[in-house]
Amino acid sequence: MFEGFTVMGFQYESGAGEVGWHITAFRMRDPIHDYWFAGQKFYSMSIRFAYQGTNHTVVQIFDEIAGSDANEKKAVLKATATWEYSSEME
């Protein structure tokens, strides 16, 4: 829980070294939000696991999301900072 939100995420790195997060965030009894987070920006996205029967994951990133909940953004920023710090300590 971060700032009252449940936040889950998976970090991905492209072949070119670009890093981003597939984030799922929600408050109890609120709709679940799925988006891509990279470079302090939030984008709508689509993700396909086991694409066409392979072991590949396909991530499609679309437009930047405008007008997102400020508290939800703060929760995602805290969550990703915590996860990144934890991975650095390993």
C-alpha atoms as a PDB file:
ATOM      1  CA  MET A   1       0.000   0.000   0.000  1.00  0.00           C
ATOM      2  CA  PHE A   2       1.265   3.404  -0.995  1.00  0.00           C
ATOM      3  CA  GLU A   3      -0.718   6.553  -0.179  1.00  0.00           C
ATOM      4  CA  GLY A   4      -3.870   4.458   0.231  1.00  0.00           C
ATOM      5  CA  PHE A   5      -3.448   2.699  -3.128  1.00  0.00           C
ATOM      6  CA  THR A   6      -2.563  -0.884  -3.871  1.00  0.00           C
ATOM      7  CA  VAL A   7       0.213  -0.607  -6.454  1.00  0.00           C
ATOM      8  CA  MET A   8       1.735  -3.532  -8.350  1.00  0.00           C
ATOM      9  CA  GLY A   9       4.312  -3.268 -11.083  1.00  0.00           C
ATOM     10  CA  PHE A  10       6.704  -5.058 -13.369  1.00  0.00           C
ATOM     11  CA  GLN A  11       9.797  -3.358 -14.717  1.00  0.00           C
ATOM     12  CA  TYR A  12      10.769  -3.943 -18.340  1.00  0.00           C
ATOM     13  CA  GLU A  13      13.878  -2.996 -20.280  1.00  0.00           C
ATOM     14  CA  SER A  14      13.886  -2.737 -24.063  1.00  0.00           C
ATOM     15  CA  GLY A  15      16.711  -3.981 -26.239  1.00  0.00           C
ATOM     16  CA  ALA A  16      17.781  -0.329 -26.539  1.00  0.00           C
ATOM     17  CA  GLY A  17      18.073  -0.023 -22.732  1.00  0.00           C
ATOM     18  CA  GLU A  18      14.891   2.006 -22.173  1.00  0.00           C
ATOM     19  CA  VAL A  19      13.273   1.172 -18.838  1.00  0.00           C
ATOM     20  CA  GLY A  20       9.588   1.461 -17.962  1.00  0.00           C
ATOM     21  CA  TRP A  21       6.982  -0.038 -15.672  1.00  0.00           C
ATOM     22  CA  HIS A  22       3.680  -1.817 -16.272  1.00  0.00           C
ATOM     23  CA  ILE A  23       1.686  -0.485 -13.318  1.00  0.00           C
ATOM     24  CA  THR A  24      -1.627  -1.602 -11.870  1.00  0.00           C
ATOM     25  CA  ALA A  25      -3.042   0.710  -9.195  1.00  0.00           C
ATOM     26  CA  PHE A  26      -6.334   0.959  -7.341  1.00  0.00           C
ATOM     27  CA  ARG A  27      -8.049   1.958  -4.130  1.00  0.00           C
ATOM     28  CA  MET A  28     -10.405  -0.417  -2.405  1.00  0.00           C
ATOM     29  CA  ARG A  29     -13.739  -0.518  -4.299  1.00  0.00           C
ATOM     30  CA  ASP A  30     -12.426   1.780  -7.070  1.00  0.00           C
ATOM     31  CA  PRO A  31     -11.738   0.814 -10.687  1.00  0.00           C
ATOM     32  CA  ILE A  32      -8.371  -0.789 -11.430  1.00  0.00           C
ATOM     33  CA  HIS A  33      -6.007   1.319 -13.544  1.00  0.00           C
ATOM     34  CA  ASP A  34      -3.400  -0.263 -15.811  1.00  0.00           C
ATOM     35  CA  TYR A  35      -0.797   1.948 -17.471  1.00  0.00           C
ATOM     36  CA  TRP A  36       2.818   2.355 -18.546  1.00  0.00           C
ATOM     37  CA  PHE A  37       5.049   4.575 -16.410  1.00  0.00           C
ATOM     38  CA  ALA A  38       8.387   5.836 -17.752  1.00  0.00           C
ATOM     39  CA  GLY A  39      10.336   9.059 -17.417  1.00  0.00           C
ATOM     40  CA  GLN A  40       7.879  10.404 -14.807  1.00  0.00           C
ATOM     41  CA  LYS A  41       5.021  10.149 -17.351  1.00  0.00           C
ATOM     42  CA  PHE A  42       1.936   7.923 -17.481  1.00  0.00           C
ATOM     43  CA  TYR A  43       0.710   6.326 -20.727  1.00  0.00           C
ATOM     44  CA  SER A  44      -2.185   4.128 -21.762  1.00  0.00           C
ATOM     45  CA  MET A  45      -0.966   0.713 -22.814  1.00  0.00           C
ATOM     46  CA  SER A  46      -1.734  -2.833 -23.829  1.00  0.00           C
ATOM     47  CA  ILE A  47       0.232  -5.915 -22.827  1.00  0.00           C
ATOM     48  CA  ARG A  48       0.110  -9.429 -24.277  1.00  0.00           C
ATOM     49  CA  PHE A  49       1.805 -12.303 -22.496  1.00  0.00           C
ATOM     50  CA  ALA A  50       2.835 -15.436 -24.422  1.00  0.00           C
ATOM     51  CA  TYR A  51       2.298 -13.541 -27.675  1.00  0.00           C
ATOM     52  CA  GLN A  52       1.139 -15.895 -30.448  1.00  0.00           C
ATOM     53  CA  GLY A  53       2.032 -18.930 -28.368  1.00  0.00           C
ATOM     54  CA  THR A  54       5.648 -17.834 -27.771  1.00  0.00           C
ATOM     55  CA  ASN A  55       7.445 -16.846 -24.594  1.00  0.00           C
ATOM     56  CA  HIS A  56       7.456 -13.204 -25.760  1.00  0.00           C
ATOM     57  CA  THR A  57       5.653 -10.342 -24.043  1.00  0.00           C
ATOM     58  CA  VAL A  58       4.434  -7.551 -26.295  1.00  0.00           C
ATOM     59  CA  VAL A  59       3.913  -4.118 -24.751  1.00  0.00           C
ATOM     60  CA  GLN A  60       2.183  -1.423 -26.809  1.00  0.00           C
ATOM     61  CA  ILE A  61       2.424   2.118 -25.456  1.00  0.00           C
ATOM     62  CA  PHE A  62      -0.112   4.703 -26.548  1.00  0.00           C
ATOM     63  CA  ASP A  63      -0.886   8.314 -25.629  1.00  0.00           C
ATOM     64  CA  GLU A  64       0.199  10.050 -22.453  1.00  0.00           C
ATOM     65  CA  ILE A  65      -2.579  10.132 -19.869  1.00  0.00           C
ATOM     66  CA  ALA A  66      -3.645  13.654 -18.952  1.00  0.00           C
ATOM     67  CA  GLY A  67      -5.477  14.571 -15.775  1.00  0.00           C
ATOM     68  CA  SER A  68      -4.653  11.530 -13.663  1.00  0.00           C
ATOM     69  CA  ASP A  69      -5.386  11.536  -9.941  1.00  0.00           C
ATOM     70  CA  ALA A  70      -2.517  13.378  -8.197  1.00  0.00           C
ATOM     71  CA  ASN A  71      -2.623  11.023  -5.178  1.00  0.00           C
ATOM     72  CA  GLU A  72      -2.433   7.983  -7.445  1.00  0.00           C
ATOM     73  CA  LYS A  73       0.579   9.464  -9.249  1.00  0.00           C
ATOM     74  CA  LYS A  74       2.246  10.114  -5.898  1.00  0.00           C
ATOM     75  CA  ALA A  75       1.579   6.493  -4.874  1.00  0.00           C
ATOM     76  CA  VAL A  76       3.154   5.180  -8.100  1.00  0.00           C
ATOM     77  CA  LEU A  77       6.200   7.435  -7.696  1.00  0.00           C
ATOM     78  CA  LYS A  78       6.711   6.175  -4.133  1.00  0.00           C
ATOM     79  CA  ALA A  79       6.201   2.540  -5.133  1.00  0.00           C
ATOM     80  CA  THR A  80       8.640   2.587  -8.054  1.00  0.00           C
ATOM     81  CA  ALA A  81      11.246   4.499  -6.015  1.00  0.00           C
ATOM     82  CA  THR A  82      10.934   1.893  -3.241  1.00  0.00           C
ATOM     83  CA  TRP A  83      11.240  -1.012  -5.688  1.00  0.00           C
ATOM     84  CA  GLU A  84      14.216   0.526  -7.467  1.00  0.00           C
ATOM     85  CA  TYR A  85      15.972   1.181  -4.157  1.00  0.00           C
ATOM     86  CA  SER A  86      15.305  -2.401  -3.007  1.00  0.00           C
ATOM     87  CA  SER A  87      16.753  -3.854  -6.216  1.00  0.00           C
ATOM     88  CA  GLU A  88      19.867  -1.690  -5.867  1.00  0.00           C
ATOM     89  CA  MET A  89      20.440  -3.027  -2.344  1.00  0.00           C
ATOM     90  CA  GLU A  90      20.480  -6.677  -3.497  1.00  0.00           C
END
